[in-house]
Amino acid sequence: LALKNNQPSTRPVIVLDALRDWTGDLQAWTDAAIQI
């Protein structure tokens, strides 16, 4: 089976809006999902 990352965006998105925002690059998050 081939697993491909289909998320083209590397733009950080806010995933938690708090005193300090937590951001994530959904392409890197997709890479983590592919590793799992």
PDB file of all heavy atoms in Angstrom:
ATOM      1  N   LEU A   1       0.843  -1.183   0.000  1.00  0.00           N
ATOM      2  CA  LEU A   1       0.000   0.000   0.000  1.00  0.00           C
ATOM      3  C   LEU A   1       0.885   1.242   0.000  1.00  0.00           C
ATOM      4  O   LEU A   1       1.895   1.291   0.699  1.00  0.00           O
ATOM      5  CB  LEU A   1      -0.897   0.002   1.259  1.00  0.00           C
ATOM      6  CG  LEU A   1      -1.855   1.176   1.423  1.00  0.00           C
ATOM      7  CD1 LEU A   1      -2.985   1.105   0.388  1.00  0.00           C
ATOM      8  CD2 LEU A   1      -2.438   1.189   2.833  1.00  0.00           C
ATOM      9  N   ALA A   2       0.488   2.222  -0.785  1.00  0.00           N
ATOM     10  CA  ALA A   2       1.178   3.518  -0.773  1.00  0.00           C
ATOM     11  C   ALA A   2       0.362   4.476   0.090  1.00  0.00           C
ATOM     12  O   ALA A   2      -0.868   4.523  -0.006  1.00  0.00           O
ATOM     13  CB  ALA A   2       1.304   4.070  -2.192  1.00  0.00           C
ATOM     14  N   LEU A   3       1.038   5.190   0.944  1.00  0.00           N
ATOM     15  CA  LEU A   3       0.409   6.231   1.763  1.00  0.00           C
ATOM     16  C   LEU A   3       0.987   7.568   1.326  1.00  0.00           C
ATOM     17  O   LEU A   3       2.208   7.726   1.273  1.00  0.00           O
ATOM     18  CB  LEU A   3       0.685   5.997   3.248  1.00  0.00           C
ATOM     19  CG  LEU A   3       0.083   4.739   3.849  1.00  0.00           C
ATOM     20  CD1 LEU A   3       0.544   4.569   5.293  1.00  0.00           C
ATOM     21  CD2 LEU A   3      -1.442   4.771   3.781  1.00  0.00           C
ATOM     22  N   LYS A   4       0.097   8.506   1.025  1.00  0.00           N
ATOM     23  CA  LYS A   4       0.535   9.811   0.525  1.00  0.00           C
ATOM     24  C   LYS A   4      -0.007  10.921   1.403  1.00  0.00           C
ATOM     25  O   LYS A   4      -1.122  10.825   1.922  1.00  0.00           O
ATOM     26  CB  LYS A   4       0.032  10.014  -0.909  1.00  0.00           C
ATOM     27  CG  LYS A   4       0.529   8.961  -1.871  1.00  0.00           C
ATOM     28  CD  LYS A   4      -0.094   9.110  -3.247  1.00  0.00           C
ATOM     29  CE  LYS A   4       0.366   7.984  -4.150  1.00  0.00           C
ATOM     30  NZ  LYS A   4      -0.297   7.998  -5.437  1.00  0.00           N
ATOM     31  N   ASN A   5       0.762  11.982   1.524  1.00  0.00           N
ATOM     32  CA  ASN A   5       0.321  13.177   2.229  1.00  0.00           C
ATOM     33  C   ASN A   5      -0.398  14.058   1.223  1.00  0.00           C
ATOM     34  O   ASN A   5       0.200  14.534   0.262  1.00  0.00           O
ATOM     35  CB  ASN A   5       1.511  13.914   2.845  1.00  0.00           C
ATOM     36  CG  ASN A   5       1.081  15.054   3.738  1.00  0.00           C
ATOM     37  OD1 ASN A   5       0.068  15.715   3.492  1.00  0.00           O
ATOM     38  ND2 ASN A   5       1.869  15.303   4.766  1.00  0.00           N
ATOM     39  N   ASN A   6      -1.689  14.264   1.440  1.00  0.00           N
ATOM     40  CA  ASN A   6      -2.522  15.020   0.509  1.00  0.00           C
ATOM     41  C   ASN A   6      -2.806  16.436   1.026  1.00  0.00           C
ATOM     42  O   ASN A   6      -3.678  17.110   0.504  1.00  0.00           O
ATOM     43  CB  ASN A   6      -3.836  14.255   0.278  1.00  0.00           C
ATOM     44  CG  ASN A   6      -4.477  14.579  -1.039  1.00  0.00           C
ATOM     45  OD1 ASN A   6      -3.814  14.930  -2.006  1.00  0.00           O
ATOM     46  ND2 ASN A   6      -5.792  14.463  -1.088  1.00  0.00           N
ATOM     47  N   GLN A   7      -2.093  16.864   2.058  1.00  0.00           N
ATOM     48  CA  GLN A   7      -2.291  18.201   2.628  1.00  0.00           C
ATOM     49  C   GLN A   7      -1.222  19.142   2.056  1.00  0.00           C
ATOM     50  O   GLN A   7      -0.058  19.060   2.440  1.00  0.00           O
ATOM     51  CB  GLN A   7      -2.198  18.147   4.148  1.00  0.00           C
ATOM     52  CG  GLN A   7      -2.279  19.486   4.866  1.00  0.00           C
ATOM     53  CD  GLN A   7      -3.482  20.329   4.501  1.00  0.00           C
ATOM     54  OE1 GLN A   7      -3.405  21.138   3.576  1.00  0.00           O
ATOM     55  NE2 GLN A   7      -4.580  20.128   5.198  1.00  0.00           N
ATOM     56  N   PRO A   8      -1.594  20.026   1.125  1.00  0.00           N
ATOM     57  CA  PRO A   8      -0.593  20.891   0.511  1.00  0.00           C
ATOM     58  C   PRO A   8      -0.165  22.075   1.387  1.00  0.00           C
ATOM     59  O   PRO A   8       0.928  22.599   1.225  1.00  0.00           O
ATOM     60  CB  PRO A   8      -1.291  21.401  -0.751  1.00  0.00           C
ATOM     61  CG  PRO A   8      -2.747  21.373  -0.403  1.00  0.00           C
ATOM     62  CD  PRO A   8      -2.921  20.201   0.528  1.00  0.00           C
ATOM     63  N   SER A   9      -1.006  22.470   2.328  1.00  0.00           N
ATOM     64  CA  SER A   9      -0.732  23.675   3.092  1.00  0.00           C
ATOM     65  C   SER A   9       0.240  23.427   4.248  1.00  0.00           C
ATOM     66  O   SER A   9       0.075  22.485   5.011  1.00  0.00           O
ATOM     67  CB  SER A   9      -2.029  24.256   3.661  1.00  0.00           C
ATOM     68  OG  SER A   9      -1.747  25.386   4.450  1.00  0.00           O
ATOM     69  N   THR A  10       1.225  24.301   4.356  1.00  0.00           N
ATOM     70  CA  THR A  10       2.143  24.283   5.497  1.00  0.00           C
ATOM     71  C   THR A  10       1.929  25.522   6.364  1.00  0.00           C
ATOM     72  O   THR A  10       2.681  25.761   7.295  1.00  0.00           O
ATOM     73  CB  THR A  10       3.616  24.238   5.036  1.00  0.00           C
ATOM     74  OG1 THR A  10       3.875  25.388   4.220  1.00  0.00           O
ATOM     75  CG2 THR A  10       3.917  22.967   4.256  1.00  0.00           C
ATOM     76  N   ARG A  11       0.896  26.284   6.049  1.00  0.00           N
ATOM     77  CA  ARG A  11       0.580  27.504   6.797  1.00  0.00           C
ATOM     78  C   ARG A  11       0.111  27.127   8.199  1.00  0.00           C
ATOM     79  O   ARG A  11      -0.775  26.288   8.360  1.00  0.00           O
ATOM     80  CB  ARG A  11      -0.523  28.268   6.065  1.00  0.00           C
ATOM     81  CG  ARG A  11      -0.948  29.570   6.710  1.00  0.00           C
ATOM     82  CD  ARG A  11      -2.056  30.244   5.916  1.00  0.00           C
ATOM     83  NE  ARG A  11      -3.195  29.394   5.647  1.00  0.00           N
ATOM     84  CZ  ARG A  11      -4.204  29.191   6.499  1.00  0.00           C
ATOM     85  NH1 ARG A  11      -4.214  29.764   7.670  1.00  0.00           N
ATOM     86  NH2 ARG A  11      -5.213  28.416   6.157  1.00  0.00           N
ATOM     87  N   PRO A  12       0.697  27.717   9.224  1.00  0.00           N
ATOM     88  CA  PRO A  12       0.277  27.393  10.588  1.00  0.00           C
ATOM     89  C   PRO A  12      -1.184  27.783  10.830  1.00  0.00           C
ATOM     90  O   PRO A  12      -1.628  28.848  10.391  1.00  0.00           O
ATOM     91  CB  PRO A  12       1.199  28.226  11.477  1.00  0.00           C
ATOM     92  CG  PRO A  12       2.311  28.688  10.602  1.00  0.00           C
ATOM     93  CD  PRO A  12       1.789  28.690   9.206  1.00  0.00           C
ATOM     94  N   VAL A  13      -1.915  26.914  11.494  1.00  0.00           N
ATOM     95  CA  VAL A  13      -3.288  27.206  11.888  1.00  0.00           C
ATOM     96  C   VAL A  13      -3.362  27.166  13.413  1.00  0.00           C
ATOM     97  O   VAL A  13      -2.633  26.421  14.059  1.00  0.00           O
ATOM     98  CB  VAL A  13      -4.301  26.216  11.275  1.00  0.00           C
ATOM     99  CG1 VAL A  13      -4.312  26.309   9.758  1.00  0.00           C
ATOM    100  CG2 VAL A  13      -4.011  24.792  11.709  1.00  0.00           C
ATOM    101  N   ILE A  14      -4.233  27.972  13.971  1.00  0.00           N
ATOM    102  CA  ILE A  14      -4.402  27.975  15.425  1.00  0.00           C
ATOM    103  C   ILE A  14      -5.259  26.773  15.801  1.00  0.00           C
ATOM    104  O   ILE A  14      -6.370  26.608  15.300  1.00  0.00           O
ATOM    105  CB  ILE A  14      -5.041  29.289  15.913  1.00  0.00           C
ATOM    106  CG1 ILE A  14      -4.097  30.454  15.645  1.00  0.00           C
ATOM    107  CG2 ILE A  14      -5.393  29.201  17.400  1.00  0.00           C
ATOM    108  CD1 ILE A  14      -4.667  31.819  15.978  1.00  0.00           C
ATOM    109  N   VAL A  15      -4.721  25.923  16.675  1.00  0.00           N
ATOM    110  CA  VAL A  15      -5.471  24.749  17.133  1.00  0.00           C
ATOM    111  C   VAL A  15      -5.951  24.922  18.575  1.00  0.00           C
ATOM    112  O   VAL A  15      -6.822  24.199  19.027  1.00  0.00           O
ATOM    113  CB  VAL A  15      -4.649  23.447  16.975  1.00  0.00           C
ATOM    114  CG1 VAL A  15      -4.374  23.175  15.510  1.00  0.00           C
ATOM    115  CG2 VAL A  15      -3.362  23.499  17.763  1.00  0.00           C
ATOM    116  N   LEU A  16      -5.373  25.874  19.296  1.00  0.00           N
ATOM    117  CA  LEU A  16      -5.829  26.210  20.646  1.00  0.00           C
ATOM    118  C   LEU A  16      -5.603  27.693  20.844  1.00  0.00           C
ATOM    119  O   LEU A  16      -4.484  28.191  20.734  1.00  0.00           O
ATOM    120  CB  LEU A  16      -5.049  25.413  21.705  1.00  0.00           C
ATOM    121  CG  LEU A  16      -5.281  25.817  23.167  1.00  0.00           C
ATOM    122  CD1 LEU A  16      -6.743  25.654  23.565  1.00  0.00           C
ATOM    123  CD2 LEU A  16      -4.391  25.003  24.090  1.00  0.00           C
ATOM    124  N   ASP A  17      -6.691  28.395  21.102  1.00  0.00           N
ATOM    125  CA  ASP A  17      -6.641  29.835  21.335  1.00  0.00           C
ATOM    126  C   ASP A  17      -6.638  30.042  22.845  1.00  0.00           C
ATOM    127  O   ASP A  17      -7.652  29.871  23.506  1.00  0.00           O
ATOM    128  CB  ASP A  17      -7.867  30.479  20.688  1.00  0.00           C
ATOM    129  CG  ASP A  17      -7.841  31.992  20.745  1.00  0.00           C
ATOM    130  OD1 ASP A  17      -6.824  32.561  21.168  1.00  0.00           O
ATOM    131  OD2 ASP A  17      -8.862  32.596  20.372  1.00  0.00           O
ATOM    132  N   ALA A  18      -5.467  30.357  23.398  1.00  0.00           N
ATOM    133  CA  ALA A  18      -5.329  30.509  24.845  1.00  0.00           C
ATOM    134  C   ALA A  18      -4.390  31.672  25.130  1.00  0.00           C
ATOM    135  O   ALA A  18      -4.095  32.466  24.236  1.00  0.00           O
ATOM    136  CB  ALA A  18      -4.795  29.209  25.438  1.00  0.00           C
ATOM    137  N   LEU A  19      -3.898  31.766  26.361  1.00  0.00           N
ATOM    138  CA  LEU A  19      -2.936  32.818  26.676  1.00  0.00           C
ATOM    139  C   LEU A  19      -1.778  32.795  25.696  1.00  0.00           C
ATOM    140  O   LEU A  19      -1.316  33.832  25.235  1.00  0.00           O
ATOM    141  CB  LEU A  19      -2.402  32.650  28.100  1.00  0.00           C
ATOM    142  CG  LEU A  19      -3.378  33.001  29.211  1.00  0.00           C
ATOM    143  CD1 LEU A  19      -2.773  32.675  30.569  1.00  0.00           C
ATOM    144  CD2 LEU A  19      -3.774  34.467  29.147  1.00  0.00           C
ATOM    145  N   ARG A  20      -1.304  31.601  25.395  1.00  0.00           N
ATOM    146  CA  ARG A  20      -0.340  31.394  24.310  1.00  0.00           C
ATOM    147  C   ARG A  20      -1.014  30.485  23.310  1.00  0.00           C
ATOM    148  O   ARG A  20      -1.394  29.363  23.641  1.00  0.00           O
ATOM    149  CB  ARG A  20       0.943  30.732  24.823  1.00  0.00           C
ATOM    150  CG  ARG A  20       1.813  31.688  25.610  1.00  0.00           C
ATOM    151  CD  ARG A  20       3.121  31.092  25.959  1.00  0.00           C
ATOM    152  NE  ARG A  20       3.975  30.963  24.782  1.00  0.00           N
ATOM    153  CZ  ARG A  20       5.127  30.328  24.803  1.00  0.00           C
ATOM    154  NH1 ARG A  20       5.567  29.748  25.899  1.00  0.00           N
ATOM    155  NH2 ARG A  20       5.862  30.250  23.712  1.00  0.00           N
ATOM    156  N   ASP A  21      -1.197  30.955  22.103  1.00  0.00           N
ATOM    157  CA  ASP A  21      -1.824  30.129  21.071  1.00  0.00           C
ATOM    158  C   ASP A  21      -0.964  28.908  20.781  1.00  0.00           C
ATOM    159  O   ASP A  21       0.264  28.967  20.843  1.00  0.00           O
ATOM    160  CB  ASP A  21      -1.995  30.928  19.764  1.00  0.00           C
ATOM    161  CG  ASP A  21      -3.032  32.022  19.890  1.00  0.00           C
ATOM    162  OD1 ASP A  21      -3.864  31.959  20.809  1.00  0.00           O
ATOM    163  OD2 ASP A  21      -3.004  32.948  19.061  1.00  0.00           O
ATOM    164  N   TRP A  22      -1.630  27.819  20.465  1.00  0.00           N
ATOM    165  CA  TRP A  22      -0.957  26.619  19.970  1.00  0.00           C
ATOM    166  C   TRP A  22      -1.281  26.558  18.490  1.00  0.00           C
ATOM    167  O   TRP A  22      -2.454  26.636  18.102  1.00  0.00           O
ATOM    168  CB  TRP A  22      -1.476  25.370  20.675  1.00  0.00           C
ATOM    169  CG  TRP A  22      -0.988  25.225  22.078  1.00  0.00           C
ATOM    170  CD1 TRP A  22      -1.242  26.055  23.126  1.00  0.00           C
ATOM    171  CD2 TRP A  22      -0.164  24.180  22.579  1.00  0.00           C
ATOM    172  NE1 TRP A  22      -0.623  25.595  24.246  1.00  0.00           N
ATOM    173  CE2 TRP A  22       0.038  24.444  23.950  1.00  0.00           C
ATOM    174  CE3 TRP A  22       0.408  23.051  22.006  1.00  0.00           C
ATOM    175  CZ2 TRP A  22       0.799  23.603  24.747  1.00  0.00           C
ATOM    176  CZ3 TRP A  22       1.160  22.217  22.814  1.00  0.00           C
ATOM    177  CH2 TRP A  22       1.355  22.495  24.174  1.00  0.00           C
ATOM    178  N   THR A  23      -0.245  26.439  17.662  1.00  0.00           N
ATOM    179  CA  THR A  23      -0.453  26.359  16.230  1.00  0.00           C
ATOM    180  C   THR A  23       0.068  25.030  15.712  1.00  0.00           C
ATOM    181  O   THR A  23       0.867  24.361  16.371  1.00  0.00           O
ATOM    182  CB  THR A  23       0.259  27.504  15.477  1.00  0.00           C
ATOM    183  OG1 THR A  23       1.666  27.377  15.664  1.00  0.00           O
ATOM    184  CG2 THR A  23      -0.223  28.862  15.941  1.00  0.00           C
ATOM    185  N   GLY A  24      -0.397  24.678  14.528  1.00  0.00           N
ATOM    186  CA  GLY A  24       0.071  23.458  13.903  1.00  0.00           C
ATOM    187  C   GLY A  24       0.120  23.600  12.400  1.00  0.00           C
ATOM    188  O   GLY A  24      -0.672  24.330  11.801  1.00  0.00           O
ATOM    189  N   ASP A  25       1.054  22.924  11.808  1.00  0.00           N
ATOM    190  CA  ASP A  25       1.205  22.807  10.361  1.00  0.00           C
ATOM    191  C   ASP A  25       0.502  21.497   9.996  1.00  0.00           C
ATOM    192  O   ASP A  25       0.994  20.419  10.324  1.00  0.00           O
ATOM    193  CB  ASP A  25       2.703  22.779  10.033  1.00  0.00           C
ATOM    194  CG  ASP A  25       3.029  22.350   8.615  1.00  0.00           C
ATOM    195  OD1 ASP A  25       2.133  21.891   7.867  1.00  0.00           O
ATOM    196  OD2 ASP A  25       4.208  22.443   8.248  1.00  0.00           O
ATOM    197  N   LEU A  26      -0.666  21.579   9.372  1.00  0.00           N
ATOM    198  CA  LEU A  26      -1.467  20.380   9.125  1.00  0.00           C
ATOM    199  C   LEU A  26      -0.796  19.397   8.171  1.00  0.00           C
ATOM    200  O   LEU A  26      -1.101  18.202   8.181  1.00  0.00           O
ATOM    201  CB  LEU A  26      -2.875  20.755   8.653  1.00  0.00           C
ATOM    202  CG  LEU A  26      -3.693  21.563   9.669  1.00  0.00           C
ATOM    203  CD1 LEU A  26      -5.107  21.798   9.155  1.00  0.00           C
ATOM    204  CD2 LEU A  26      -3.705  20.922  11.038  1.00  0.00           C
ATOM    205  N   GLN A  27       0.152  19.879   7.373  1.00  0.00           N
ATOM    206  CA  GLN A  27       0.919  18.947   6.539  1.00  0.00           C
ATOM    207  C   GLN A  27       1.811  18.071   7.429  1.00  0.00           C
ATOM    208  O   GLN A  27       1.896  16.856   7.244  1.00  0.00           O
ATOM    209  CB  GLN A  27       1.763  19.702   5.509  1.00  0.00           C
ATOM    210  CG  GLN A  27       2.457  18.763   4.524  1.00  0.00           C
ATOM    211  CD  GLN A  27       3.283  19.535   3.522  1.00  0.00           C
ATOM    212  OE1 GLN A  27       4.380  19.984   3.833  1.00  0.00           O
ATOM    213  NE2 GLN A  27       2.744  19.707   2.311  1.00  0.00           N
ATOM    214  N   ALA A  28       2.452  18.684   8.409  1.00  0.00           N
ATOM    215  CA  ALA A  28       3.277  17.912   9.355  1.00  0.00           C
ATOM    216  C   ALA A  28       2.402  16.998  10.203  1.00  0.00           C
ATOM    217  O   ALA A  28       2.806  15.876  10.535  1.00  0.00           O
ATOM    218  CB  ALA A  28       4.089  18.858  10.236  1.00  0.00           C
ATOM    219  N   TRP A  29       1.199  17.448  10.546  1.00  0.00           N
ATOM    220  CA  TRP A  29       0.284  16.604  11.311  1.00  0.00           C
ATOM    221  C   TRP A  29      -0.144  15.401  10.471  1.00  0.00           C
ATOM    222  O   TRP A  29      -0.302  14.298  10.987  1.00  0.00           O
ATOM    223  CB  TRP A  29      -0.925  17.401  11.769  1.00  0.00           C
ATOM    224  CG  TRP A  29      -0.625  18.380  12.871  1.00  0.00           C
ATOM    225  CD1 TRP A  29       0.515  19.111  13.033  1.00  0.00           C
ATOM    226  CD2 TRP A  29      -1.459  18.716  13.961  1.00  0.00           C
ATOM    227  NE1 TRP A  29       0.426  19.887  14.155  1.00  0.00           N
ATOM    228  CE2 TRP A  29      -0.768  19.674  14.741  1.00  0.00           C
ATOM    229  CE3 TRP A  29      -2.737  18.325  14.344  1.00  0.00           C
ATOM    230  CZ2 TRP A  29      -1.320  20.230  15.890  1.00  0.00           C
ATOM    231  CZ3 TRP A  29      -3.282  18.885  15.494  1.00  0.00           C
ATOM    232  CH2 TRP A  29      -2.576  19.811  16.259  1.00  0.00           C
ATOM    233  N   THR A  30      -0.324  15.619   9.165  1.00  0.00           N
ATOM    234  CA  THR A  30      -0.663  14.504   8.275  1.00  0.00           C
ATOM    235  C   THR A  30       0.500  13.523   8.202  1.00  0.00           C
ATOM    236  O   THR A  30       0.287  12.307   8.185  1.00  0.00           O
ATOM    237  CB  THR A  30      -1.041  15.035   6.873  1.00  0.00           C
ATOM    238  OG1 THR A  30      -2.152  15.939   6.999  1.00  0.00           O
ATOM    239  CG2 THR A  30      -1.407  13.909   5.932  1.00  0.00           C
ATOM    240  N   ASP A  31       1.737  14.031   8.162  1.00  0.00           N
ATOM    241  CA  ASP A  31       2.904  13.141   8.207  1.00  0.00           C
ATOM    242  C   ASP A  31       2.876  12.266   9.462  1.00  0.00           C
ATOM    243  O   ASP A  31       3.185  11.077   9.405  1.00  0.00           O
ATOM    244  CB  ASP A  31       4.215  13.939   8.169  1.00  0.00           C
ATOM    245  CG  ASP A  31       4.549  14.487   6.792  1.00  0.00           C
ATOM    246  OD1 ASP A  31       4.045  13.950   5.783  1.00  0.00           O
ATOM    247  OD2 ASP A  31       5.328  15.456   6.731  1.00  0.00           O
ATOM    248  N   ALA A  32       2.503  12.852  10.607  1.00  0.00           N
ATOM    249  CA  ALA A  32       2.410  12.073  11.847  1.00  0.00           C
ATOM    250  C   ALA A  32       1.321  11.007  11.728  1.00  0.00           C
ATOM    251  O   ALA A  32       1.504   9.865  12.167  1.00  0.00           O
ATOM    252  CB  ALA A  32       2.148  12.992  13.035  1.00  0.00           C
ATOM    253  N   ALA A  33       0.187  11.346  11.115  1.00  0.00           N
ATOM    254  CA  ALA A  33      -0.889  10.363  10.908  1.00  0.00           C
ATOM    255  C   ALA A  33      -0.409   9.227  10.001  1.00  0.00           C
ATOM    256  O   ALA A  33      -0.745   8.058  10.222  1.00  0.00           O
ATOM    257  CB  ALA A  33      -2.121  11.042  10.311  1.00  0.00           C
ATOM    258  N   ILE A  34       0.385   9.562   8.995  1.00  0.00           N
ATOM    259  CA  ILE A  34       0.940   8.544   8.097  1.00  0.00           C
ATOM    260  C   ILE A  34       1.902   7.634   8.861  1.00  0.00           C
ATOM    261  O   ILE A  34       1.899   6.412   8.655  1.00  0.00           O
ATOM    262  CB  ILE A  34       1.610   9.201   6.872  1.00  0.00           C
ATOM    263  CG1 ILE A  34       0.533   9.782   5.945  1.00  0.00           C
ATOM    264  CG2 ILE A  34       2.506   8.211   6.121  1.00  0.00           C
ATOM    265  CD1 ILE A  34       1.061  10.665   4.826  1.00  0.00           C
ATOM    266  N   GLN A  35       2.697   8.193   9.756  1.00  0.00           N
ATOM    267  CA  GLN A  35       3.600   7.365  10.557  1.00  0.00           C
ATOM    268  C   GLN A  35       2.821   6.404  11.450  1.00  0.00           C
ATOM    269  O   GLN A  35       3.196   5.232  11.578  1.00  0.00           O
ATOM    270  CB  GLN A  35       4.516   8.252  11.398  1.00  0.00           C
ATOM    271  CG  GLN A  35       5.552   8.994  10.590  1.00  0.00           C
ATOM    272  CD  GLN A  35       6.383   9.927  11.469  1.00  0.00           C
ATOM    273  OE1 GLN A  35       6.640   9.642  12.618  1.00  0.00           O
ATOM    274  NE2 GLN A  35       6.799  11.049  10.898  1.00  0.00           N
ATOM    275  N   ILE A  36       1.737   6.876  12.062  1.00  0.00           N
ATOM    276  CA  ILE A  36       0.899   6.006  12.894  1.00  0.00           C
ATOM    277  C   ILE A  36       0.287   4.901  12.031  1.00  0.00           C
ATOM    278  O   ILE A  36       0.301   3.721  12.393  1.00  0.00           O
ATOM    279  CB  ILE A  36      -0.209   6.806  13.598  1.00  0.00           C
ATOM    280  CG1 ILE A  36       0.394   7.821  14.567  1.00  0.00           C
ATOM    281  CG2 ILE A  36      -1.176   5.868  14.326  1.00  0.00           C
ATOM    282  CD1 ILE A  36      -0.601   8.862  15.068  1.00  0.00           C
TER     283      ILE A  36
END
